[in-house]
Amino acid sequence: MEENNPRARALYERLGYVAYDRQSDSWDEEAPDGSLRRYETMCTLMRKELS
């Protein structure tokens, strides 16, 4: 989950997930003109214990 999305984090926390680490991520996105640009972000890794 991207760190700049507090509403998503709140939803996951309501569902019982907890943050346990951070990790950078990136990928290529195609623009409308066909060119590629690199998107880079920081993500919060979350997990939930299964019972």
Protein backbone atom coordinates (compact mmCIF):
# COMPACT_ATOMS: atom_id res chain seq x y z
CA MET A 1 0.00 0.00 0.00
CA GLU A 2 1.40 3.40 -0.94
CA GLU A 3 2.22 5.60 2.03
CA ASN A 4 0.41 8.58 0.52
CA ASN A 5 -2.96 6.81 0.87
CA PRO A 6 -4.10 7.21 4.51
CA ARG A 7 -7.68 6.13 3.76
CA ALA A 8 -6.48 2.77 2.45
CA ARG A 9 -4.29 2.31 5.52
CA ALA A 10 -7.22 3.11 7.82
CA LEU A 11 -9.35 0.51 6.02
CA TYR A 12 -6.69 -2.19 6.34
CA GLU A 13 -6.20 -1.36 10.02
CA ARG A 14 -9.96 -1.65 10.63
CA LEU A 15 -9.74 -5.11 9.02
CA GLY A 16 -7.03 -6.14 11.49
CA TYR A 17 -3.86 -5.55 9.45
CA VAL A 18 -0.76 -4.06 11.06
CA ALA A 19 2.19 -2.32 9.43
CA TYR A 20 5.47 -4.21 9.75
CA ASP A 21 7.89 -2.60 7.28
CA ARG A 22 8.43 -0.05 4.50
CA GLN A 23 9.71 -0.73 1.00
CA SER A 24 10.34 1.39 -2.06
CA ASP A 25 8.70 0.26 -5.28
CA SER A 26 8.74 1.46 -8.87
CA TRP A 27 7.32 0.54 -12.25
CA ASP A 28 7.04 1.92 -15.76
CA GLU A 29 3.81 3.61 -16.82
CA GLU A 30 2.79 4.36 -20.37
CA ALA A 31 1.69 7.93 -21.05
CA PRO A 32 -1.12 8.74 -23.51
CA ASP A 33 1.50 9.64 -26.13
CA GLY A 34 3.08 6.18 -25.84
CA SER A 35 6.18 7.27 -23.95
CA LEU A 36 7.22 5.49 -20.77
CA ARG A 37 7.86 7.13 -17.44
CA ARG A 38 9.19 5.60 -14.24
CA TYR A 39 6.84 5.84 -11.24
CA GLU A 40 8.55 5.55 -7.84
CA THR A 41 6.85 5.37 -4.46
CA MET A 42 7.29 4.21 -0.87
CA CYS A 43 4.98 1.47 0.34
CA THR A 44 3.93 0.33 3.79
CA LEU A 45 3.90 -3.45 4.10
CA MET A 46 1.00 -4.76 6.18
CA ARG A 47 0.04 -8.21 7.40
CA LYS A 48 -2.71 -9.94 9.28
CA GLU A 49 -2.44 -13.03 11.44
CA LEU A 50 -4.78 -15.78 10.30
CA SER A 51 -6.59 -17.70 13.00
